[in-house]
All heavy atoms as atom14 arrays in JSON, in Angstrom:
{
  "sequence": "QQADLREQGAALLEATQALQTRQAELAEQIAEPRGQEDKGFRVGN",
  "atom14_mask": [
    [1, 1, 1, 1, 1, 1, 1, 1, 1, 0, 0, 0, 0, 0],
    [1, 1, 1, 1, 1, 1, 1, 1, 1, 0, 0, 0, 0, 0],
    [1, 1, 1, 1, 1, 0, 0, 0, 0, 0, 0, 0, 0, 0],
    [1, 1, 1, 1, 1, 1, 1, 1, 0, 0, 0, 0, 0, 0],
    [1, 1, 1, 1, 1, 1, 1, 1, 0, 0, 0, 0, 0, 0],
    [1, 1, 1, 1, 1, 1, 1, 1, 1, 1, 1, 0, 0, 0],
    [1, 1, 1, 1, 1, 1, 1, 1, 1, 0, 0, 0, 0, 0],
    [1, 1, 1, 1, 1, 1, 1, 1, 1, 0, 0, 0, 0, 0],
    [1, 1, 1, 1, 0, 0, 0, 0, 0, 0, 0, 0, 0, 0],
    [1, 1, 1, 1, 1, 0, 0, 0, 0, 0, 0, 0, 0, 0],
    [1, 1, 1, 1, 1, 0, 0, 0, 0, 0, 0, 0, 0, 0],
    [1, 1, 1, 1, 1, 1, 1, 1, 0, 0, 0, 0, 0, 0],
    [1, 1, 1, 1, 1, 1, 1, 1, 0, 0, 0, 0, 0, 0],
    [1, 1, 1, 1, 1, 1, 1, 1, 1, 0, 0, 0, 0, 0],
    [1, 1, 1, 1, 1, 0, 0, 0, 0, 0, 0, 0, 0, 0],
    [1, 1, 1, 1, 1, 1, 1, 0, 0, 0, 0, 0, 0, 0],
    [1, 1, 1, 1, 1, 1, 1, 1, 1, 0, 0, 0, 0, 0],
    [1, 1, 1, 1, 1, 0, 0, 0, 0, 0, 0, 0, 0, 0],
    [1, 1, 1, 1, 1, 1, 1, 1, 0, 0, 0, 0, 0, 0],
    [1, 1, 1, 1, 1, 1, 1, 1, 1, 0, 0, 0, 0, 0],
    [1, 1, 1, 1, 1, 1, 1, 0, 0, 0, 0, 0, 0, 0],
    [1, 1, 1, 1, 1, 1, 1, 1, 1, 1, 1, 0, 0, 0],
    [1, 1, 1, 1, 1, 1, 1, 1, 1, 0, 0, 0, 0, 0],
    [1, 1, 1, 1, 1, 0, 0, 0, 0, 0, 0, 0, 0, 0],
    [1, 1, 1, 1, 1, 1, 1, 1, 1, 0, 0, 0, 0, 0],
    [1, 1, 1, 1, 1, 1, 1, 1, 0, 0, 0, 0, 0, 0],
    [1, 1, 1, 1, 1, 0, 0, 0, 0, 0, 0, 0, 0, 0],
    [1, 1, 1, 1, 1, 1, 1, 1, 1, 0, 0, 0, 0, 0],
    [1, 1, 1, 1, 1, 1, 1, 1, 1, 0, 0, 0, 0, 0],
    [1, 1, 1, 1, 1, 1, 1, 1, 0, 0, 0, 0, 0, 0],
    [1, 1, 1, 1, 1, 0, 0, 0, 0, 0, 0, 0, 0, 0],
    [1, 1, 1, 1, 1, 1, 1, 1, 1, 0, 0, 0, 0, 0],
    [1, 1, 1, 1, 1, 1, 1, 0, 0, 0, 0, 0, 0, 0],
    [1, 1, 1, 1, 1, 1, 1, 1, 1, 1, 1, 0, 0, 0],
    [1, 1, 1, 1, 0, 0, 0, 0, 0, 0, 0, 0, 0, 0],
    [1, 1, 1, 1, 1, 1, 1, 1, 1, 0, 0, 0, 0, 0],
    [1, 1, 1, 1, 1, 1, 1, 1, 1, 0, 0, 0, 0, 0],
    [1, 1, 1, 1, 1, 1, 1, 1, 0, 0, 0, 0, 0, 0],
    [1, 1, 1, 1, 1, 1, 1, 1, 1, 0, 0, 0, 0, 0],
    [1, 1, 1, 1, 0, 0, 0, 0, 0, 0, 0, 0, 0, 0],
    [1, 1, 1, 1, 1, 1, 1, 1, 1, 1, 1, 0, 0, 0],
    [1, 1, 1, 1, 1, 1, 1, 1, 1, 1, 1, 0, 0, 0],
    [1, 1, 1, 1, 1, 1, 1, 0, 0, 0, 0, 0, 0, 0],
    [1, 1, 1, 1, 0, 0, 0, 0, 0, 0, 0, 0, 0, 0],
    [1, 1, 1, 1, 1, 1, 1, 1, 0, 0, 0, 0, 0, 0]
  ],
  "atom14_positions": [
    [[-24.79, -40.09, 16.64], [-23.82, -39.05, 16.99], [-23.9, -37.88, 16.02], [-23.85, -36.71, 16.43], [-22.41, -39.66, 17.0], [-22.14, -40.59, 18.16], [-20.79, -41.26, 18.04], [-20.36, -41.62, 16.94], [-20.12, -41.44, 19.18], [0.0, 0.0, 0.0], [0.0, 0.0, 0.0], [0.0, 0.0, 0.0], [0.0, 0.0, 0.0], [0.0, 0.0, 0.0]],
    [[-24.0, -38.2, 14.74], [-24.12, -37.13, 13.76], [-25.39, -36.32, 13.98], [-25.4, -35.09, 13.9], [-24.1, -37.71, 12.34], [-22.74, -38.21, 11.91], [-22.73, -38.62, 10.45], [-23.78, -38.81, 9.85], [-21.53, -38.76, 9.89], [0.0, 0.0, 0.0], [0.0, 0.0, 0.0], [0.0, 0.0, 0.0], [0.0, 0.0, 0.0], [0.0, 0.0, 0.0]],
    [[-26.5, -37.02, 14.28], [-27.77, -36.31, 14.5], [-27.69, -35.41, 15.73], [-28.18, -34.27, 15.72], [-28.91, -37.32, 14.66], [0.0, 0.0, 0.0], [0.0, 0.0, 0.0], [0.0, 0.0, 0.0], [0.0, 0.0, 0.0], [0.0, 0.0, 0.0], [0.0, 0.0, 0.0], [0.0, 0.0, 0.0], [0.0, 0.0, 0.0], [0.0, 0.0, 0.0]],
    [[-27.03, -35.91, 16.8], [-26.91, -35.1, 18.02], [-26.1, -33.84, 17.76], [-26.48, -32.73, 18.2], [-26.23, -35.92, 19.13], [-27.13, -37.03, 19.66], [-28.36, -36.96, 19.39], [-26.62, -37.94, 20.33], [0.0, 0.0, 0.0], [0.0, 0.0, 0.0], [0.0, 0.0, 0.0], [0.0, 0.0, 0.0], [0.0, 0.0, 0.0], [0.0, 0.0, 0.0]],
    [[-24.98, -34.01, 17.06], [-24.13, -32.84, 16.8], [-24.81, -31.85, 15.86], [-24.69, -30.63, 16.02], [-22.78, -33.29, 16.21], [-21.84, -33.96, 17.22], [-20.59, -34.49, 16.51], [-21.44, -33.0, 18.33], [0.0, 0.0, 0.0], [0.0, 0.0, 0.0], [0.0, 0.0, 0.0], [0.0, 0.0, 0.0], [0.0, 0.0, 0.0], [0.0, 0.0, 0.0]],
    [[-25.51, -32.4, 14.86], [-26.24, -31.49, 13.96], [-27.31, -30.71, 14.73], [-27.55, -29.54, 14.47], [-26.89, -32.29, 12.81], [-25.91, -32.72, 11.74], [-26.62, -33.43, 10.6], [-27.64, -32.57, 10.0], [-27.36, -31.62, 9.1], [-26.11, -31.41, 8.73], [-28.34, -30.89, 8.6], [0.0, 0.0, 0.0], [0.0, 0.0, 0.0], [0.0, 0.0, 0.0]],
    [[-27.99, -31.36, 15.68], [-29.01, -30.69, 16.48], [-28.39, -29.55, 17.32], [-28.94, -28.46, 17.41], [-29.72, -31.7, 17.38], [-30.86, -31.09, 18.19], [-31.58, -32.13, 19.03], [-31.34, -33.34, 18.79], [-32.35, -31.74, 19.92], [0.0, 0.0, 0.0], [0.0, 0.0, 0.0], [0.0, 0.0, 0.0], [0.0, 0.0, 0.0], [0.0, 0.0, 0.0]],
    [[-27.21, -29.84, 17.92], [-26.54, -28.81, 18.69], [-26.11, -27.64, 17.8], [-26.22, -26.48, 18.17], [-25.32, -29.41, 19.41], [-25.66, -30.42, 20.48], [-24.41, -31.0, 21.1], [-23.52, -30.26, 21.5], [-24.34, -32.33, 21.17], [0.0, 0.0, 0.0], [0.0, 0.0, 0.0], [0.0, 0.0, 0.0], [0.0, 0.0, 0.0], [0.0, 0.0, 0.0]],
    [[-25.62, -27.96, 16.62], [-25.21, -26.9, 15.7], [-26.37, -26.04, 15.27], [-26.28, -24.81, 15.2], [0.0, 0.0, 0.0], [0.0, 0.0, 0.0], [0.0, 0.0, 0.0], [0.0, 0.0, 0.0], [0.0, 0.0, 0.0], [0.0, 0.0, 0.0], [0.0, 0.0, 0.0], [0.0, 0.0, 0.0], [0.0, 0.0, 0.0], [0.0, 0.0, 0.0]],
    [[-27.51, -26.7, 14.97], [-28.7, -25.94, 14.57], [-29.18, -25.05, 15.71], [-29.61, -23.91, 15.5], [-29.8, -26.89, 14.14], [0.0, 0.0, 0.0], [0.0, 0.0, 0.0], [0.0, 0.0, 0.0], [0.0, 0.0, 0.0], [0.0, 0.0, 0.0], [0.0, 0.0, 0.0], [0.0, 0.0, 0.0], [0.0, 0.0, 0.0], [0.0, 0.0, 0.0]],
    [[-29.11, -25.55, 16.96], [-29.52, -24.76, 18.11], [-28.62, -23.54, 18.27], [-29.07, -22.43, 18.6], [-29.49, -25.61, 19.38], [0.0, 0.0, 0.0], [0.0, 0.0, 0.0], [0.0, 0.0, 0.0], [0.0, 0.0, 0.0], [0.0, 0.0, 0.0], [0.0, 0.0, 0.0], [0.0, 0.0, 0.0], [0.0, 0.0, 0.0], [0.0, 0.0, 0.0]],
    [[-27.32, -23.73, 18.04], [-26.38, -22.61, 18.13], [-26.68, -21.56, 17.06], [-26.7, -20.36, 17.32], [-24.95, -23.13, 17.99], [-23.86, -22.05, 17.85], [-23.85, -21.17, 19.1], [-22.51, -22.67, 17.63], [0.0, 0.0, 0.0], [0.0, 0.0, 0.0], [0.0, 0.0, 0.0], [0.0, 0.0, 0.0], [0.0, 0.0, 0.0], [0.0, 0.0, 0.0]],
    [[-26.94, -22.03, 15.85], [-27.25, -21.11, 14.77], [-28.5, -20.3, 15.09], [-28.56, -19.09, 14.88], [-27.45, -21.91, 13.48], [-27.36, -21.14, 12.16], [-26.03, -20.43, 12.04], [-27.59, -22.08, 10.99], [0.0, 0.0, 0.0], [0.0, 0.0, 0.0], [0.0, 0.0, 0.0], [0.0, 0.0, 0.0], [0.0, 0.0, 0.0], [0.0, 0.0, 0.0]],
    [[-29.5, -20.96, 15.65], [-30.74, -20.27, 16.03], [-30.47, -19.24, 17.12], [-31.01, -18.13, 17.1], [-31.77, -21.28, 16.49], [-33.12, -20.66, 16.85], [-34.13, -21.7, 17.28], [-33.82, -22.91, 17.16], [-35.21, -21.31, 17.75], [0.0, 0.0, 0.0], [0.0, 0.0, 0.0], [0.0, 0.0, 0.0], [0.0, 0.0, 0.0], [0.0, 0.0, 0.0]],
    [[-29.6, -19.6, 18.09], [-29.28, -18.67, 19.19], [-28.57, -17.42, 18.68], [-28.86, -16.3, 19.1], [-28.43, -19.37, 20.24], [0.0, 0.0, 0.0], [0.0, 0.0, 0.0], [0.0, 0.0, 0.0], [0.0, 0.0, 0.0], [0.0, 0.0, 0.0], [0.0, 0.0, 0.0], [0.0, 0.0, 0.0], [0.0, 0.0, 0.0], [0.0, 0.0, 0.0]],
    [[-27.61, -17.62, 17.76], [-26.89, -16.46, 17.24], [-27.82, -15.56, 16.43], [-27.75, -14.33, 16.5], [-25.71, -16.91, 16.37], [-26.17, -17.73, 15.32], [-24.7, -17.66, 17.2], [0.0, 0.0, 0.0], [0.0, 0.0, 0.0], [0.0, 0.0, 0.0], [0.0, 0.0, 0.0], [0.0, 0.0, 0.0], [0.0, 0.0, 0.0], [0.0, 0.0, 0.0]],
    [[-28.72, -16.16, 15.65], [-29.66, -15.36, 14.88], [-30.63, -14.6, 15.78], [-30.99, -13.46, 15.53], [-30.42, -16.27, 13.9], [-29.55, -16.8, 12.78], [-30.25, -17.88, 11.97], [-31.25, -18.46, 12.4], [-29.71, -18.16, 10.79], [0.0, 0.0, 0.0], [0.0, 0.0, 0.0], [0.0, 0.0, 0.0], [0.0, 0.0, 0.0], [0.0, 0.0, 0.0]],
    [[-31.05, -15.24, 16.9], [-31.94, -14.57, 17.85], [-31.24, -13.37, 18.49], [-31.83, -12.31, 18.7], [-32.41, -15.55, 18.92], [0.0, 0.0, 0.0], [0.0, 0.0, 0.0], [0.0, 0.0, 0.0], [0.0, 0.0, 0.0], [0.0, 0.0, 0.0], [0.0, 0.0, 0.0], [0.0, 0.0, 0.0], [0.0, 0.0, 0.0], [0.0, 0.0, 0.0]],
    [[-29.96, -13.55, 18.8], [-29.2, -12.44, 19.38], [-29.08, -11.3, 18.39], [-29.21, -10.12, 18.73], [-27.81, -12.93, 19.8], [-26.84, -11.86, 20.35], [-27.45, -11.21, 21.59], [-25.49, -12.46, 20.66], [0.0, 0.0, 0.0], [0.0, 0.0, 0.0], [0.0, 0.0, 0.0], [0.0, 0.0, 0.0], [0.0, 0.0, 0.0], [0.0, 0.0, 0.0]],
    [[-28.85, -11.64, 17.12], [-28.74, -10.62, 16.09], [-30.06, -9.85, 15.96], [-30.07, -8.62, 15.83], [-28.38, -11.28, 14.75], [-27.95, -10.3, 13.67], [-27.37, -11.02, 12.48], [-27.65, -12.2, 12.26], [-26.56, -10.34, 11.71], [0.0, 0.0, 0.0], [0.0, 0.0, 0.0], [0.0, 0.0, 0.0], [0.0, 0.0, 0.0], [0.0, 0.0, 0.0]],
    [[-31.17, -10.57, 16.01], [-32.48, -9.93, 15.94], [-32.7, -9.0, 17.13], [-33.21, -7.88, 16.98], [-33.6, -10.99, 15.91], [-33.42, -11.8, 14.75], [-34.97, -10.33, 15.87], [0.0, 0.0, 0.0], [0.0, 0.0, 0.0], [0.0, 0.0, 0.0], [0.0, 0.0, 0.0], [0.0, 0.0, 0.0], [0.0, 0.0, 0.0], [0.0, 0.0, 0.0]],
    [[-32.29, -9.44, 18.32], [-32.46, -8.61, 19.52], [-31.64, -7.32, 19.42], [-32.12, -6.25, 19.79], [-32.03, -9.41, 20.76], [-32.1, -8.61, 22.06], [-33.48, -8.06, 22.32], [-33.51, -7.21, 23.49], [-34.4, -6.28, 23.71], [-35.36, -6.05, 22.82], [-34.37, -5.56, 24.8], [0.0, 0.0, 0.0], [0.0, 0.0, 0.0], [0.0, 0.0, 0.0]],
    [[-30.43, -7.42, 18.91], [-29.62, -6.22, 18.76], [-30.26, -5.25, 17.77], [-30.26, -4.05, 17.96], [-28.2, -6.6, 18.28], [-27.39, -7.35, 19.31], [-27.06, -6.52, 20.54], [-26.96, -5.31, 20.46], [-26.92, -7.17, 21.67], [0.0, 0.0, 0.0], [0.0, 0.0, 0.0], [0.0, 0.0, 0.0], [0.0, 0.0, 0.0], [0.0, 0.0, 0.0]],
    [[-30.86, -5.77, 16.7], [-31.55, -4.91, 15.73], [-32.75, -4.23, 16.36], [-33.03, -3.05, 16.11], [-31.98, -5.73, 14.51], [0.0, 0.0, 0.0], [0.0, 0.0, 0.0], [0.0, 0.0, 0.0], [0.0, 0.0, 0.0], [0.0, 0.0, 0.0], [0.0, 0.0, 0.0], [0.0, 0.0, 0.0], [0.0, 0.0, 0.0], [0.0, 0.0, 0.0]],
    [[-33.48, -4.96, 17.22], [-34.64, -4.38, 17.89], [-34.21, -3.23, 18.81], [-34.87, -2.19, 18.89], [-35.38, -5.45, 18.7], [-36.13, -6.45, 17.84], [-36.75, -7.55, 18.67], [-36.47, -7.62, 19.88], [-37.53, -8.35, 18.1], [0.0, 0.0, 0.0], [0.0, 0.0, 0.0], [0.0, 0.0, 0.0], [0.0, 0.0, 0.0], [0.0, 0.0, 0.0]],
    [[-33.12, -3.41, 19.53], [-32.64, -2.35, 20.41], [-32.25, -1.11, 19.61], [-32.52, 0.02, 20.02], [-31.43, -2.85, 21.22], [-31.75, -3.78, 22.4], [-30.46, -4.31, 23.0], [-32.57, -3.06, 23.45], [0.0, 0.0, 0.0], [0.0, 0.0, 0.0], [0.0, 0.0, 0.0], [0.0, 0.0, 0.0], [0.0, 0.0, 0.0], [0.0, 0.0, 0.0]],
    [[-31.63, -1.32, 18.45], [-31.25, -0.17, 17.62], [-32.48, 0.58, 17.13], [-32.49, 1.81, 17.04], [-30.41, -0.64, 16.44], [0.0, 0.0, 0.0], [0.0, 0.0, 0.0], [0.0, 0.0, 0.0], [0.0, 0.0, 0.0], [0.0, 0.0, 0.0], [0.0, 0.0, 0.0], [0.0, 0.0, 0.0], [0.0, 0.0, 0.0], [0.0, 0.0, 0.0]],
    [[-33.56, -0.16, 16.84], [-34.77, 0.47, 16.33], [-35.53, 1.24, 17.4], [-36.37, 2.07, 17.09], [-35.7, -0.59, 15.72], [-35.16, -1.18, 14.42], [-36.03, -2.31, 13.92], [-37.04, -2.61, 14.59], [-35.7, -2.88, 12.87], [0.0, 0.0, 0.0], [0.0, 0.0, 0.0], [0.0, 0.0, 0.0], [0.0, 0.0, 0.0], [0.0, 0.0, 0.0]],
    [[-35.26, 0.97, 18.67], [-35.98, 1.67, 19.74], [-35.69, 3.16, 19.73], [-36.48, 3.96, 20.22], [-35.62, 1.08, 21.1], [-36.24, -0.28, 21.35], [-35.99, -0.78, 22.75], [-36.08, -0.03, 23.7], [-35.68, -2.04, 22.89], [0.0, 0.0, 0.0], [0.0, 0.0, 0.0], [0.0, 0.0, 0.0], [0.0, 0.0, 0.0], [0.0, 0.0, 0.0]],
    [[-34.56, 3.55, 19.21], [-34.27, 4.97, 19.05], [-34.36, 5.28, 17.56], [-33.43, 5.08, 16.81], [-32.88, 5.33, 19.6], [-32.83, 5.03, 21.1], [-32.56, 6.78, 19.35], [-31.52, 5.34, 21.74], [0.0, 0.0, 0.0], [0.0, 0.0, 0.0], [0.0, 0.0, 0.0], [0.0, 0.0, 0.0], [0.0, 0.0, 0.0], [0.0, 0.0, 0.0]],
    [[-35.52, 5.74, 17.15], [-35.75, 5.98, 15.73], [-35.0, 7.21, 15.24], [-34.62, 7.31, 14.09], [-37.25, 6.14, 15.47], [0.0, 0.0, 0.0], [0.0, 0.0, 0.0], [0.0, 0.0, 0.0], [0.0, 0.0, 0.0], [0.0, 0.0, 0.0], [0.0, 0.0, 0.0], [0.0, 0.0, 0.0], [0.0, 0.0, 0.0], [0.0, 0.0, 0.0]],
    [[-34.82, 8.18, 16.11], [-34.1, 9.4, 15.76], [-33.28, 9.82, 16.97], [-33.83, 10.08, 18.02], [-35.08, 10.52, 15.41], [-34.41, 11.78, 14.93], [-35.41, 12.89, 14.66], [-36.62, 12.64, 14.73], [-34.96, 14.0, 14.39], [0.0, 0.0, 0.0], [0.0, 0.0, 0.0], [0.0, 0.0, 0.0], [0.0, 0.0, 0.0], [0.0, 0.0, 0.0]],
    [[-31.99, 9.84, 16.92], [-31.15, 9.67, 15.74], [-31.1, 8.22, 15.25], [-31.36, 7.31, 16.0], [-29.77, 10.13, 16.19], [-29.77, 9.88, 17.64], [-31.18, 10.13, 18.1], [0.0, 0.0, 0.0], [0.0, 0.0, 0.0], [0.0, 0.0, 0.0], [0.0, 0.0, 0.0], [0.0, 0.0, 0.0], [0.0, 0.0, 0.0], [0.0, 0.0, 0.0]],
    [[-30.7, 8.04, 14.01], [-30.74, 6.73, 13.37], [-29.74, 5.78, 13.98], [-30.03, 4.6, 14.2], [-30.48, 6.91, 11.87], [-30.47, 5.64, 11.07], [-30.54, 5.97, 9.6], [-29.59, 7.0, 9.25], [-28.34, 6.77, 8.87], [-27.92, 5.54, 8.79], [-27.53, 7.74, 8.57], [0.0, 0.0, 0.0], [0.0, 0.0, 0.0], [0.0, 0.0, 0.0]],
    [[-28.52, 6.21, 14.25], [-27.51, 5.33, 14.8], [-27.41, 5.48, 16.31], [-27.82, 6.48, 16.86], [0.0, 0.0, 0.0], [0.0, 0.0, 0.0], [0.0, 0.0, 0.0], [0.0, 0.0, 0.0], [0.0, 0.0, 0.0], [0.0, 0.0, 0.0], [0.0, 0.0, 0.0], [0.0, 0.0, 0.0], [0.0, 0.0, 0.0], [0.0, 0.0, 0.0]],
    [[-26.86, 4.47, 16.97], [-26.69, 4.54, 18.41], [-25.32, 5.1, 18.78], [-25.2, 5.92, 19.68], [-26.87, 3.16, 19.03], [-28.29, 2.64, 18.89], [-28.51, 1.43, 19.76], [-27.98, 1.33, 20.85], [-29.3, 0.49, 19.29], [0.0, 0.0, 0.0], [0.0, 0.0, 0.0], [0.0, 0.0, 0.0], [0.0, 0.0, 0.0], [0.0, 0.0, 0.0]],
    [[-24.27, 4.67, 18.09], [-22.94, 5.1, 18.48], [-22.62, 6.51, 17.98], [-21.9, 7.25, 18.63], [-21.88, 4.13, 17.94], [-21.72, 2.88, 18.79], [-22.87, 1.91, 18.62], [-23.5, 1.93, 17.57], [-23.14, 1.15, 19.56], [0.0, 0.0, 0.0], [0.0, 0.0, 0.0], [0.0, 0.0, 0.0], [0.0, 0.0, 0.0], [0.0, 0.0, 0.0]],
    [[-23.14, 6.9, 16.8], [-22.73, 8.18, 16.23], [-23.39, 9.35, 16.93], [-22.89, 10.47, 16.87], [-23.02, 8.22, 14.73], [-24.5, 8.07, 14.4], [-25.24, 7.6, 15.28], [-24.9, 8.41, 13.28], [0.0, 0.0, 0.0], [0.0, 0.0, 0.0], [0.0, 0.0, 0.0], [0.0, 0.0, 0.0], [0.0, 0.0, 0.0], [0.0, 0.0, 0.0]],
    [[-24.52, 9.15, 17.6], [-25.19, 10.25, 18.28], [-25.56, 9.89, 19.71], [-26.56, 10.38, 20.23], [-26.46, 10.66, 17.51], [-26.18, 11.32, 16.18], [-27.48, 11.82, 15.57], [-27.22, 12.53, 14.26], [-28.48, 13.0, 13.63], [0.0, 0.0, 0.0], [0.0, 0.0, 0.0], [0.0, 0.0, 0.0], [0.0, 0.0, 0.0], [0.0, 0.0, 0.0]],
    [[-24.82, 9.05, 20.34], [-25.16, 8.67, 21.69], [-24.05, 7.89, 22.36], [-22.95, 7.76, 21.83], [0.0, 0.0, 0.0], [0.0, 0.0, 0.0], [0.0, 0.0, 0.0], [0.0, 0.0, 0.0], [0.0, 0.0, 0.0], [0.0, 0.0, 0.0], [0.0, 0.0, 0.0], [0.0, 0.0, 0.0], [0.0, 0.0, 0.0], [0.0, 0.0, 0.0]],
    [[-24.35, 7.38, 23.51], [-23.4, 6.61, 24.29], [-24.16, 5.66, 25.19], [-25.36, 5.81, 25.41], [-22.52, 7.55, 25.12], [-23.29, 8.48, 26.02], [-23.6, 8.13, 27.32], [-23.72, 9.7, 25.54], [-24.33, 8.98, 28.14], [-24.44, 10.56, 26.36], [-24.74, 10.2, 27.66], [0.0, 0.0, 0.0], [0.0, 0.0, 0.0], [0.0, 0.0, 0.0]],
    [[-23.45, 4.66, 25.71], [-24.09, 3.67, 26.56], [-23.69, 3.88, 28.0], [-22.54, 4.2, 28.32], [-23.71, 2.25, 26.13], [-24.35, 1.83, 24.82], [-24.07, 0.36, 24.54], [-24.69, -0.51, 25.52], [-25.93, -0.98, 25.41], [-26.67, -0.66, 24.37], [-26.42, -1.79, 26.34], [0.0, 0.0, 0.0], [0.0, 0.0, 0.0], [0.0, 0.0, 0.0]],
    [[-24.67, 3.7, 28.9], [-24.44, 3.69, 30.34], [-25.08, 2.41, 30.86], [-26.31, 2.31, 30.94], [-25.05, 4.92, 31.02], [-24.8, 4.87, 32.52], [-24.49, 6.21, 30.43], [0.0, 0.0, 0.0], [0.0, 0.0, 0.0], [0.0, 0.0, 0.0], [0.0, 0.0, 0.0], [0.0, 0.0, 0.0], [0.0, 0.0, 0.0], [0.0, 0.0, 0.0]],
    [[-24.28, 1.41, 31.18], [-24.84, 0.13, 31.58], [-25.65, -0.47, 30.45], [-25.19, -0.63, 29.33], [0.0, 0.0, 0.0], [0.0, 0.0, 0.0], [0.0, 0.0, 0.0], [0.0, 0.0, 0.0], [0.0, 0.0, 0.0], [0.0, 0.0, 0.0], [0.0, 0.0, 0.0], [0.0, 0.0, 0.0], [0.0, 0.0, 0.0], [0.0, 0.0, 0.0]],
    [[-26.91, -0.79, 30.74], [-27.8, -1.38, 29.74], [-28.53, -0.34, 28.91], [-29.37, -0.7, 28.07], [-28.85, -2.26, 30.42], [-28.26, -3.55, 30.96], [-27.1, -3.85, 30.72], [-29.06, -4.29, 31.69], [0.0, 0.0, 0.0], [0.0, 0.0, 0.0], [0.0, 0.0, 0.0], [0.0, 0.0, 0.0], [0.0, 0.0, 0.0], [0.0, 0.0, 0.0]]
  ]
}
């Protein structure tokens, strides 16, 4: 039981880190301006 729960926790940690990496990649797609919110806006995706 402990091994199963630890495996689920590790999977969750990996998922959150992957999401964080994806958000960083999206921010880097617009090299200039540097920020997304301060010089832009979102429309859908």
